Amino acid sequence: MDKRMNLLMFSGDYDKAMAGLILANTARELDVDVTMFFAFWGLSLVRDPEKMTLEDKTIYEKLMDLMTPKGPESLPLSHMNFSGLGKLMLTEMLEDNEAPKLIHFLKGARKKNVKFYACKLSVEIMGFKPEEFIPELEIIEAKTYLKDALESDMQLFI
């Protein structure tokens, strides 16, 4: 098919991350090459909770680390979060409908060879370390991302 889709994941919200990953997985099933570029709050989706560290971080970086979600399943909802109650309701509704959770869509995208990139400047500003992310994630500059996006057939901002 030789089609390409590019998703810029800026949001750190559970429901928006799920939408992006559903599109990425579905596109891969249609033999579309998919690139996902994570910036700022979107980086929380590709952080590995088992690999997070406060070592060698400034006080601001440590505070940022403590205040941001610890991986995909700890992301809040964009609306109706209600201190986590809304997300609890959503995840129970997913279970009731036998629908996959966000983490399952992320695992599927990884298995289907979606390309995962992180914005170098966002990683640096947020104080994250490269080893804190999923192993498939490559840290690149915005210029590299834009070259890829300009060659894609579809670009989405989530």
C-alpha atoms as a PDB file:
ATOM      1  CA  MET A   1       0.000   0.000   0.000  1.00  0.00           C
ATOM      2  CA  ASP A   2       2.949   2.348   0.726  1.00  0.00           C
ATOM      3  CA  LYS A   3       0.851   4.751   2.807  1.00  0.00           C
ATOM      4  CA  ARG A   4       2.277   6.601   5.815  1.00  0.00           C
ATOM      5  CA  MET A   5       0.580   8.118   8.842  1.00  0.00           C
ATOM      6  CA  ASN A   6       2.201  10.373  11.405  1.00  0.00           C
ATOM      7  CA  LEU A   7       0.743  11.116  14.847  1.00  0.00           C
ATOM      8  CA  LEU A   8       2.069  13.862  17.087  1.00  0.00           C
ATOM      9  CA  MET A   9       1.135  12.871  20.641  1.00  0.00           C
ATOM     10  CA  PHE A  10       1.151  16.015  22.776  1.00  0.00           C
ATOM     11  CA  SER A  11      -1.603  15.080  25.230  1.00  0.00           C
ATOM     12  CA  GLY A  12      -1.006  13.136  28.410  1.00  0.00           C
ATOM     13  CA  ASP A  13      -4.671  12.153  28.784  1.00  0.00           C
ATOM     14  CA  TYR A  14      -5.775   8.516  28.885  1.00  0.00           C
ATOM     15  CA  ASP A  15      -8.656   8.868  26.435  1.00  0.00           C
ATOM     16  CA  LYS A  16      -6.638  10.898  23.915  1.00  0.00           C
ATOM     17  CA  ALA A  17      -3.723   8.459  24.145  1.00  0.00           C
ATOM     18  CA  MET A  18      -6.155   5.604  23.567  1.00  0.00           C
ATOM     19  CA  ALA A  19      -7.551   7.331  20.466  1.00  0.00           C
ATOM     20  CA  GLY A  20      -4.046   7.767  19.058  1.00  0.00           C
ATOM     21  CA  LEU A  21      -3.086   4.162  19.727  1.00  0.00           C
ATOM     22  CA  ILE A  22      -6.341   2.794  18.304  1.00  0.00           C
ATOM     23  CA  LEU A  23      -5.620   4.726  15.096  1.00  0.00           C
ATOM     24  CA  ALA A  24      -1.996   3.557  15.044  1.00  0.00           C
ATOM     25  CA  ASN A  25      -2.934  -0.107  15.520  1.00  0.00           C
ATOM     26  CA  THR A  26      -5.728   0.058  12.965  1.00  0.00           C
ATOM     27  CA  ALA A  27      -3.491   1.768  10.414  1.00  0.00           C
ATOM     28  CA  ARG A  28      -0.856  -0.964  10.859  1.00  0.00           C
ATOM     29  CA  GLU A  29      -3.559  -3.594  10.225  1.00  0.00           C
ATOM     30  CA  LEU A  30      -4.160  -1.784   6.911  1.00  0.00           C
ATOM     31  CA  ASP A  31      -0.417  -1.995   6.126  1.00  0.00           C
ATOM     32  CA  VAL A  32       0.102   1.719   6.722  1.00  0.00           C
ATOM     33  CA  ASP A  33       3.501   2.722   8.117  1.00  0.00           C
ATOM     34  CA  VAL A  34       2.930   4.612  11.357  1.00  0.00           C
ATOM     35  CA  THR A  35       5.164   7.062  13.185  1.00  0.00           C
ATOM     36  CA  MET A  36       4.223   8.402  16.625  1.00  0.00           C
ATOM     37  CA  PHE A  37       6.108  11.456  17.898  1.00  0.00           C
ATOM     38  CA  PHE A  38       5.741  12.202  21.617  1.00  0.00           C
ATOM     39  CA  ALA A  39       6.245  15.698  23.023  1.00  0.00           C
ATOM     40  CA  PHE A  40       5.808  17.178  26.504  1.00  0.00           C
ATOM     41  CA  TRP A  41       2.786  15.585  28.258  1.00  0.00           C
ATOM     42  CA  GLY A  42       2.551  12.879  25.612  1.00  0.00           C
ATOM     43  CA  LEU A  43       5.869  11.501  26.891  1.00  0.00           C
ATOM     44  CA  SER A  44       4.035  10.014  29.892  1.00  0.00           C
ATOM     45  CA  LEU A  45       2.488   7.450  27.556  1.00  0.00           C
ATOM     46  CA  VAL A  46       5.859   5.918  26.681  1.00  0.00           C
ATOM     47  CA  ARG A  47       7.517   6.070  30.094  1.00  0.00           C
ATOM     48  CA  ASP A  48       8.233   2.713  31.682  1.00  0.00           C
ATOM     49  CA  PRO A  49       7.121   2.858  35.353  1.00  0.00           C
ATOM     50  CA  GLU A  50       9.685   0.169  36.204  1.00  0.00           C
ATOM     51  CA  LYS A  51      12.597   2.263  34.924  1.00  0.00           C
ATOM     52  CA  MET A  52      11.857   5.676  36.423  1.00  0.00           C
ATOM     53  CA  THR A  53      14.576   7.302  38.472  1.00  0.00           C
ATOM     54  CA  LEU A  54      15.224  10.466  40.457  1.00  0.00           C
ATOM     55  CA  GLU A  55      18.977   9.915  40.283  1.00  0.00           C
ATOM     56  CA  ASP A  56      21.087  12.785  38.899  1.00  0.00           C
ATOM     57  CA  LYS A  57      18.085  15.110  38.537  1.00  0.00           C
ATOM     58  CA  THR A  58      17.715  18.730  39.600  1.00  0.00           C
ATOM     59  CA  ILE A  59      15.086  19.685  42.171  1.00  0.00           C
ATOM     60  CA  TYR A  60      12.762  20.885  39.363  1.00  0.00           C
ATOM     61  CA  GLU A  61      13.261  17.654  37.426  1.00  0.00           C
ATOM     62  CA  LYS A  62      12.498  15.635  40.566  1.00  0.00           C
ATOM     63  CA  LEU A  63       9.343  17.671  41.190  1.00  0.00           C
ATOM     64  CA  MET A  64       8.269  17.239  37.561  1.00  0.00           C
ATOM     65  CA  ASP A  65       8.896  13.514  37.877  1.00  0.00           C
ATOM     66  CA  LEU A  66       6.789  13.293  41.025  1.00  0.00           C
ATOM     67  CA  MET A  67       3.914  15.335  39.534  1.00  0.00           C
ATOM     68  CA  THR A  68       3.612  13.607  36.145  1.00  0.00           C
ATOM     69  CA  PRO A  69       1.881  10.275  35.462  1.00  0.00           C
ATOM     70  CA  LYS A  70       3.989   7.171  35.941  1.00  0.00           C
ATOM     71  CA  GLY A  71       3.283   5.466  32.632  1.00  0.00           C
ATOM     72  CA  PRO A  72       0.256   4.799  30.445  1.00  0.00           C
ATOM     73  CA  GLU A  73      -2.140   3.347  33.016  1.00  0.00           C
ATOM     74  CA  SER A  74      -1.703   6.301  35.372  1.00  0.00           C
ATOM     75  CA  LEU A  75      -2.772   8.920  32.804  1.00  0.00           C
ATOM     76  CA  PRO A  76      -5.882  10.928  33.801  1.00  0.00           C
ATOM     77  CA  LEU A  77      -8.958  11.454  31.625  1.00  0.00           C
ATOM     78  CA  SER A  78      -9.194  14.688  29.652  1.00  0.00           C
ATOM     79  CA  HIS A  79     -12.750  15.308  30.881  1.00  0.00           C
ATOM     80  CA  MET A  80     -14.748  14.005  33.816  1.00  0.00           C
ATOM     81  CA  ASN A  81     -11.670  12.700  35.636  1.00  0.00           C
ATOM     82  CA  PHE A  82     -13.088  13.714  39.055  1.00  0.00           C
ATOM     83  CA  SER A  83      -9.902  12.893  40.990  1.00  0.00           C
ATOM     84  CA  GLY A  84      -9.649   9.517  39.274  1.00  0.00           C
ATOM     85  CA  LEU A  85     -13.278   8.419  39.721  1.00  0.00           C
ATOM     86  CA  GLY A  86     -14.107   9.077  36.061  1.00  0.00           C
ATOM     87  CA  LYS A  87     -11.139   7.039  34.904  1.00  0.00           C
ATOM     88  CA  LEU A  88     -12.106   4.196  37.224  1.00  0.00           C
ATOM     89  CA  MET A  89     -15.577   4.231  35.693  1.00  0.00           C
ATOM     90  CA  LEU A  90     -14.131   4.216  32.165  1.00  0.00           C
ATOM     91  CA  THR A  91     -11.773   1.307  32.847  1.00  0.00           C
ATOM     92  CA  GLU A  92     -14.629  -0.689  34.395  1.00  0.00           C
ATOM     93  CA  MET A  93     -16.767   0.080  31.340  1.00  0.00           C
ATOM     94  CA  LEU A  94     -13.913  -1.159  29.132  1.00  0.00           C
ATOM     95  CA  GLU A  95     -13.816  -4.401  31.133  1.00  0.00           C
ATOM     96  CA  ASP A  96     -17.620  -4.777  30.978  1.00  0.00           C
ATOM     97  CA  ASN A  97     -17.438  -4.472  27.191  1.00  0.00           C
ATOM     98  CA  GLU A  98     -14.387  -6.747  27.004  1.00  0.00           C
ATOM     99  CA  ALA A  99     -12.444  -3.894  25.369  1.00  0.00           C
ATOM    100  CA  PRO A 100      -8.675  -3.600  25.744  1.00  0.00           C
ATOM    101  CA  LYS A 101      -7.128  -1.090  28.127  1.00  0.00           C
ATOM    102  CA  LEU A 102      -4.666   1.554  26.998  1.00  0.00           C
ATOM    103  CA  ILE A 103      -1.661  -0.592  27.922  1.00  0.00           C
ATOM    104  CA  HIS A 104      -2.899  -3.324  25.570  1.00  0.00           C
ATOM    105  CA  PHE A 105      -3.109  -0.879  22.664  1.00  0.00           C
ATOM    106  CA  LEU A 106       0.429   0.282  23.458  1.00  0.00           C
ATOM    107  CA  LYS A 107       1.692  -3.321  23.512  1.00  0.00           C
ATOM    108  CA  GLY A 108      -0.102  -3.977  20.219  1.00  0.00           C
ATOM    109  CA  ALA A 109       1.501  -0.951  18.572  1.00  0.00           C
ATOM    110  CA  ARG A 110       4.915  -2.095  19.772  1.00  0.00           C
ATOM    111  CA  LYS A 111       4.358  -5.593  18.343  1.00  0.00           C
ATOM    112  CA  LYS A 112       3.105  -4.156  15.058  1.00  0.00           C
ATOM    113  CA  ASN A 113       6.300  -2.117  14.623  1.00  0.00           C
ATOM    114  CA  VAL A 114       4.853   1.345  14.993  1.00  0.00           C
ATOM    115  CA  LYS A 115       7.811   3.740  15.064  1.00  0.00           C
ATOM    116  CA  PHE A 116       8.078   5.586  18.393  1.00  0.00           C
ATOM    117  CA  TYR A 117       9.974   8.867  18.605  1.00  0.00           C
ATOM    118  CA  ALA A 118      10.346  11.401  21.413  1.00  0.00           C
ATOM    119  CA  CYS A 119      11.061  15.093  21.050  1.00  0.00           C
ATOM    120  CA  LYS A 120      14.634  15.624  22.266  1.00  0.00           C
ATOM    121  CA  LEU A 121      13.926  19.096  23.633  1.00  0.00           C
ATOM    122  CA  SER A 122      10.771  17.925  25.457  1.00  0.00           C
ATOM    123  CA  VAL A 123      12.698  15.062  27.078  1.00  0.00           C
ATOM    124  CA  GLU A 124      15.398  17.477  28.218  1.00  0.00           C
ATOM    125  CA  ILE A 125      12.996  20.147  29.514  1.00  0.00           C
ATOM    126  CA  MET A 126      10.863  17.620  31.399  1.00  0.00           C
ATOM    127  CA  GLY A 127      14.019  16.169  32.967  1.00  0.00           C
ATOM    128  CA  PHE A 128      13.456  12.619  31.768  1.00  0.00           C
ATOM    129  CA  LYS A 129      16.296  10.236  31.038  1.00  0.00           C
ATOM    130  CA  PRO A 130      16.412   8.086  27.865  1.00  0.00           C
ATOM    131  CA  GLU A 131      16.486   4.884  29.916  1.00  0.00           C
ATOM    132  CA  GLU A 132      13.109   5.754  31.512  1.00  0.00           C
ATOM    133  CA  PHE A 133      11.215   5.037  28.287  1.00  0.00           C
ATOM    134  CA  ILE A 134      10.075   1.920  26.454  1.00  0.00           C
ATOM    135  CA  PRO A 135      12.997   0.374  24.532  1.00  0.00           C
ATOM    136  CA  GLU A 136      11.443   1.049  21.099  1.00  0.00           C
ATOM    137  CA  LEU A 137      11.496   4.821  21.653  1.00  0.00           C
ATOM    138  CA  GLU A 138      14.123   6.828  19.812  1.00  0.00           C
ATOM    139  CA  ILE A 139      14.834  10.403  20.870  1.00  0.00           C
ATOM    140  CA  ILE A 140      15.059  12.743  17.890  1.00  0.00           C
ATOM    141  CA  GLU A 141      15.068  16.456  17.117  1.00  0.00           C
ATOM    142  CA  ALA A 142      11.944  18.237  15.897  1.00  0.00           C
ATOM    143  CA  LYS A 143      13.559  18.769  12.490  1.00  0.00           C
ATOM    144  CA  THR A 144      13.871  15.012  11.986  1.00  0.00           C
ATOM    145  CA  TYR A 145      10.233  14.543  12.986  1.00  0.00           C
ATOM    146  CA  LEU A 146       9.079  17.261  10.588  1.00  0.00           C
ATOM    147  CA  LYS A 147      10.934  15.664   7.675  1.00  0.00           C
ATOM    148  CA  ASP A 148       9.068  12.433   8.391  1.00  0.00           C
ATOM    149  CA  ALA A 149       5.718  14.201   8.817  1.00  0.00           C
ATOM    150  CA  LEU A 150       6.122  16.109   5.549  1.00  0.00           C
ATOM    151  CA  GLU A 151       6.550  12.808   3.709  1.00  0.00           C
ATOM    152  CA  SER A 152       3.476  11.224   5.330  1.00  0.00           C
ATOM    153  CA  ASP A 153       0.076  10.892   3.701  1.00  0.00           C
ATOM    154  CA  MET A 154      -1.716  11.843   6.895  1.00  0.00           C
ATOM    155  CA  GLN A 155      -0.656  13.841   9.948  1.00  0.00           C
ATOM    156  CA  LEU A 156      -2.684  13.970  13.159  1.00  0.00           C
ATOM    157  CA  PHE A 157      -2.147  16.056  16.306  1.00  0.00           C
ATOM    158  CA  ILE A 158      -3.452  14.468  19.500  1.00  0.00           C
END
